[in-house]
Protein backbone atom coordinates (compact mmCIF):
# COMPACT_ATOMS: atom_id res chain seq x y z
CA MET A 1 29.30 -69.87 -15.96
CA SER A 2 28.49 -67.46 -18.69
CA GLU A 3 25.86 -69.70 -19.86
CA GLU A 4 24.26 -69.40 -16.58
CA ILE A 5 24.38 -65.87 -16.94
CA LYS A 6 23.09 -65.90 -20.46
CA ASN A 7 20.11 -68.42 -19.14
CA GLN A 8 19.34 -65.99 -16.37
CA THR A 9 19.04 -62.96 -18.42
CA GLY A 10 17.18 -64.78 -20.97
CA GLU A 11 14.86 -66.20 -18.41
CA GLN A 12 14.36 -62.49 -17.11
CA ALA A 13 13.70 -61.10 -20.68
CA ALA A 14 10.93 -63.87 -21.15
CA GLU A 15 9.46 -62.84 -17.83
CA ALA A 16 9.54 -59.01 -19.01
CA GLU A 17 7.77 -59.99 -22.11
CA ALA A 18 5.19 -61.94 -20.77
CA PRO A 19 1.91 -60.16 -20.41
CA VAL A 20 1.27 -59.15 -17.04
CA LYS A 21 -1.58 -60.63 -15.27
CA GLU A 22 -3.66 -58.13 -12.83
CA THR A 23 -5.21 -59.63 -9.85
CA LYS A 24 -8.97 -58.59 -8.99
CA LYS A 25 -7.71 -56.88 -6.02
CA GLU A 26 -4.96 -54.74 -8.02
CA LYS A 27 -7.71 -54.08 -10.84
CA LYS A 28 -10.01 -52.75 -7.76
CA GLN A 29 -7.14 -50.49 -6.81
CA THR A 30 -6.33 -49.21 -10.40
CA ALA A 31 -9.87 -48.29 -10.79
CA LYS A 32 -10.11 -46.75 -7.49
CA LEU A 33 -6.73 -44.99 -8.43
CA GLU A 34 -8.39 -43.52 -11.93
CA GLU A 35 -11.56 -42.54 -10.04
CA LYS A 36 -9.64 -40.42 -7.69
CA ILE A 37 -7.39 -39.00 -10.38
CA ALA A 38 -10.58 -37.99 -12.23
CA GLN A 39 -12.07 -36.50 -9.31
CA LEU A 40 -8.80 -34.60 -8.50
CA GLU A 41 -8.64 -33.29 -12.18
CA GLU A 42 -12.58 -32.10 -11.86
CA GLU A 43 -11.61 -29.87 -8.64
CA ALA A 44 -8.57 -28.62 -10.05
CA ALA A 45 -10.59 -27.54 -12.96
CA LYS A 46 -13.11 -25.95 -10.53
CA GLN A 47 -10.41 -24.20 -8.60
CA ASP A 48 -8.78 -23.30 -11.95
CA ASP A 49 -12.25 -21.72 -13.01
CA ARG A 50 -13.14 -20.07 -9.62
CA TYR A 51 -9.33 -18.30 -9.52
CA LYS A 52 -10.22 -17.09 -13.05
CA ARG A 53 -13.41 -15.57 -11.98
CA ILE A 54 -12.12 -14.00 -9.15
CA LEU A 55 -9.13 -12.62 -10.85
CA ALA A 56 -11.68 -10.91 -13.36
CA GLU A 57 -13.90 -9.85 -10.64
CA TYR A 58 -11.06 -8.05 -8.92
CA ASP A 59 -9.99 -6.30 -12.02
CA ASN A 60 -13.32 -5.09 -12.77
CA PHE A 61 -13.55 -4.09 -9.35
CA ARG A 62 -10.13 -2.34 -10.00
CA LYS A 63 -11.49 -0.33 -13.00
CA ARG A 64 -14.55 0.49 -11.50
CA THR A 65 -13.00 2.20 -8.38
CA GLN A 66 -10.34 4.12 -10.68
CA LYS A 67 -13.39 5.44 -12.70
CA GLU A 68 -15.39 6.24 -9.73
CA LYS A 69 -12.28 7.99 -8.32
CA GLU A 70 -11.78 10.07 -11.54
CA SER A 71 -15.46 10.83 -11.66
CA THR A 72 -15.56 12.01 -7.97
CA TYR A 73 -12.46 14.41 -8.65
CA GLN A 74 -14.42 15.83 -11.75
CA ASP A 75 -17.42 16.05 -9.94
CA ALA A 76 -15.91 18.28 -7.30
CA GLN A 77 -14.21 20.33 -9.91
CA MET A 78 -17.71 21.09 -11.68
CA ALA A 79 -19.37 21.84 -8.45
CA THR A 80 -16.38 24.40 -7.47
CA VAL A 81 -16.66 26.11 -10.70
CA SER A 82 -20.32 25.89 -10.60
CA ALA A 83 -20.13 27.85 -7.04
CA PHE A 84 -18.01 30.74 -8.91
CA LEU A 85 -20.28 31.05 -12.07
CA PRO A 86 -22.62 33.66 -10.30
CA VAL A 87 -19.49 35.89 -9.69
CA LEU A 88 -18.65 35.31 -13.22
CA ASP A 89 -22.13 36.58 -14.14
CA ASN A 90 -21.68 39.60 -12.23
CA LEU A 91 -18.19 40.73 -13.22
CA GLU A 92 -19.40 40.34 -17.07
CA ARG A 93 -22.42 42.63 -16.15
CA GLY A 94 -20.10 44.92 -14.57
CA ALA A 95 -17.76 45.00 -17.22
CA ALA A 96 -20.27 45.66 -19.89
CA LEU A 97 -21.15 48.86 -18.18
CA GLU A 98 -20.04 52.16 -19.59
CA THR A 99 -18.68 53.45 -16.48
CA ALA A 100 -16.78 50.03 -15.96
CA ASP A 101 -13.36 50.57 -14.02
CA GLU A 102 -10.34 49.00 -16.02
CA GLY A 103 -9.57 46.85 -12.83
CA VAL A 104 -13.13 45.23 -13.31
CA LYS A 105 -12.16 44.28 -16.72
CA LEU A 106 -8.85 43.01 -16.01
CA ILE A 107 -10.20 40.63 -13.14
CA LEU A 108 -12.82 39.40 -15.58
CA LYS A 109 -10.33 38.66 -18.21
CA GLN A 110 -8.20 36.72 -15.39
CA PHE A 111 -11.31 35.06 -14.19
CA GLN A 112 -11.95 33.76 -17.80
CA ASP A 113 -8.32 32.81 -18.46
CA ILE A 114 -8.67 30.45 -15.41
CA LEU A 115 -11.78 28.86 -16.66
CA THR A 116 -10.13 28.26 -20.24
CA LYS A 117 -7.24 26.70 -18.41
CA TYR A 118 -9.47 24.09 -16.91
CA HIS A 119 -11.32 23.38 -20.02
CA VAL A 120 -14.75 25.43 -18.82
CA GLU A 121 -16.41 26.52 -22.04
CA ALA A 122 -19.32 28.80 -22.65
CA CYS A 123 -22.52 27.21 -24.38
CA GLY A 124 -25.28 28.99 -26.01
CA ARG A 125 -24.89 31.53 -28.66
CA GLU A 126 -27.16 33.54 -30.48
CA GLY A 127 -27.89 31.62 -33.83
CA GLU A 128 -26.93 28.30 -32.51
CA ALA A 129 -29.28 25.42 -32.82
CA PHE A 130 -31.19 24.96 -29.77
CA ASP A 131 -30.13 21.71 -27.79
CA PRO A 132 -31.95 20.70 -25.06
CA ASN A 133 -29.31 18.86 -23.32
CA PHE A 134 -27.25 22.09 -23.09
CA HIS A 135 -30.11 24.94 -23.42
CA ASN A 136 -32.99 25.68 -20.99
CA ALA A 137 -35.77 27.61 -23.44
CA VAL A 138 -37.46 29.97 -21.10
CA LEU A 139 -39.32 31.85 -23.86
CA HIS A 140 -40.16 31.22 -27.44
CA GLU A 141 -40.84 33.57 -30.19
CA ASP A 142 -42.26 32.45 -33.80
CA GLY A 143 -40.01 33.48 -36.68
CA GLU A 144 -40.04 32.82 -40.28
CA GLY A 145 -41.05 29.07 -39.94
CA SER A 146 -37.55 27.80 -41.17
CA GLY A 147 -38.44 24.49 -39.11
CA GLU A 148 -35.40 24.31 -36.97
CA THR A 149 -35.27 26.21 -33.54
CA VAL A 150 -32.57 28.36 -33.00
CA ILE A 151 -31.28 30.56 -30.11
CA ALA A 152 -32.34 34.11 -30.53
CA GLN A 153 -31.19 35.50 -27.14
CA VAL A 154 -29.06 34.50 -24.56
CA LEU A 155 -30.45 35.32 -21.05
CA GLN A 156 -27.79 33.62 -19.06
CA LYS A 157 -24.80 31.99 -20.40
CA GLY A 158 -24.39 28.14 -20.02
CA TYR A 159 -21.14 26.35 -19.21
CA THR A 160 -19.45 22.91 -19.95
CA MET A 161 -16.42 21.42 -18.41
CA ASN A 162 -14.73 18.77 -20.70
CA GLY A 163 -17.82 18.15 -22.33
CA LYS A 164 -19.71 18.07 -19.46
CA LEU A 165 -22.58 20.52 -18.54
CA ILE A 166 -22.12 22.71 -15.55
CA ARG A 167 -24.81 25.02 -16.12
CA ALA A 168 -27.60 25.01 -18.63
CA ALA A 169 -27.76 28.16 -20.98
CA MET A 170 -31.29 30.11 -20.37
CA VAL A 171 -32.33 31.25 -24.06
CA LYS A 172 -34.94 32.80 -26.05
CA THR A 173 -35.89 30.49 -29.05
CA THR A 174 -37.33 31.31 -32.49
CA ASP A 175 -38.37 29.03 -35.34
């Protein structure tokens, strides 16, 4: 009986070692399946690419929205400060008078402290180089001819907030 088992296992081993011959039908099915796999892989690659593009688009949208939000907040702050600048100008004129009350000077000081707290700085000082991005030249006077245009007199102070211009300084320039 053990010989029969050996013979059977030997026959099974021979069958397993013999090359499997595919029929034409099986070859067609294999080709169709391989074609289907290629199509599915191509579709998966397209879906993956689409997913990555949508993800990148969403990330860009999120960043753009955040920047717009921050910009809107800063623009609102700048508009508010801009509305108060004429009051500041009048306080400075009032405090410069010889008859100025001590209360006006204290209010001016408090106002300036608040502006400093919110990073509002005056721009346009006498002797400073003229910069058309921050200064508005309303008068010009010929000078010694040094070649560089400088501010000779500040007619109205300009202000910036965090480096952004709120109001340009009105100045008189000289060469």
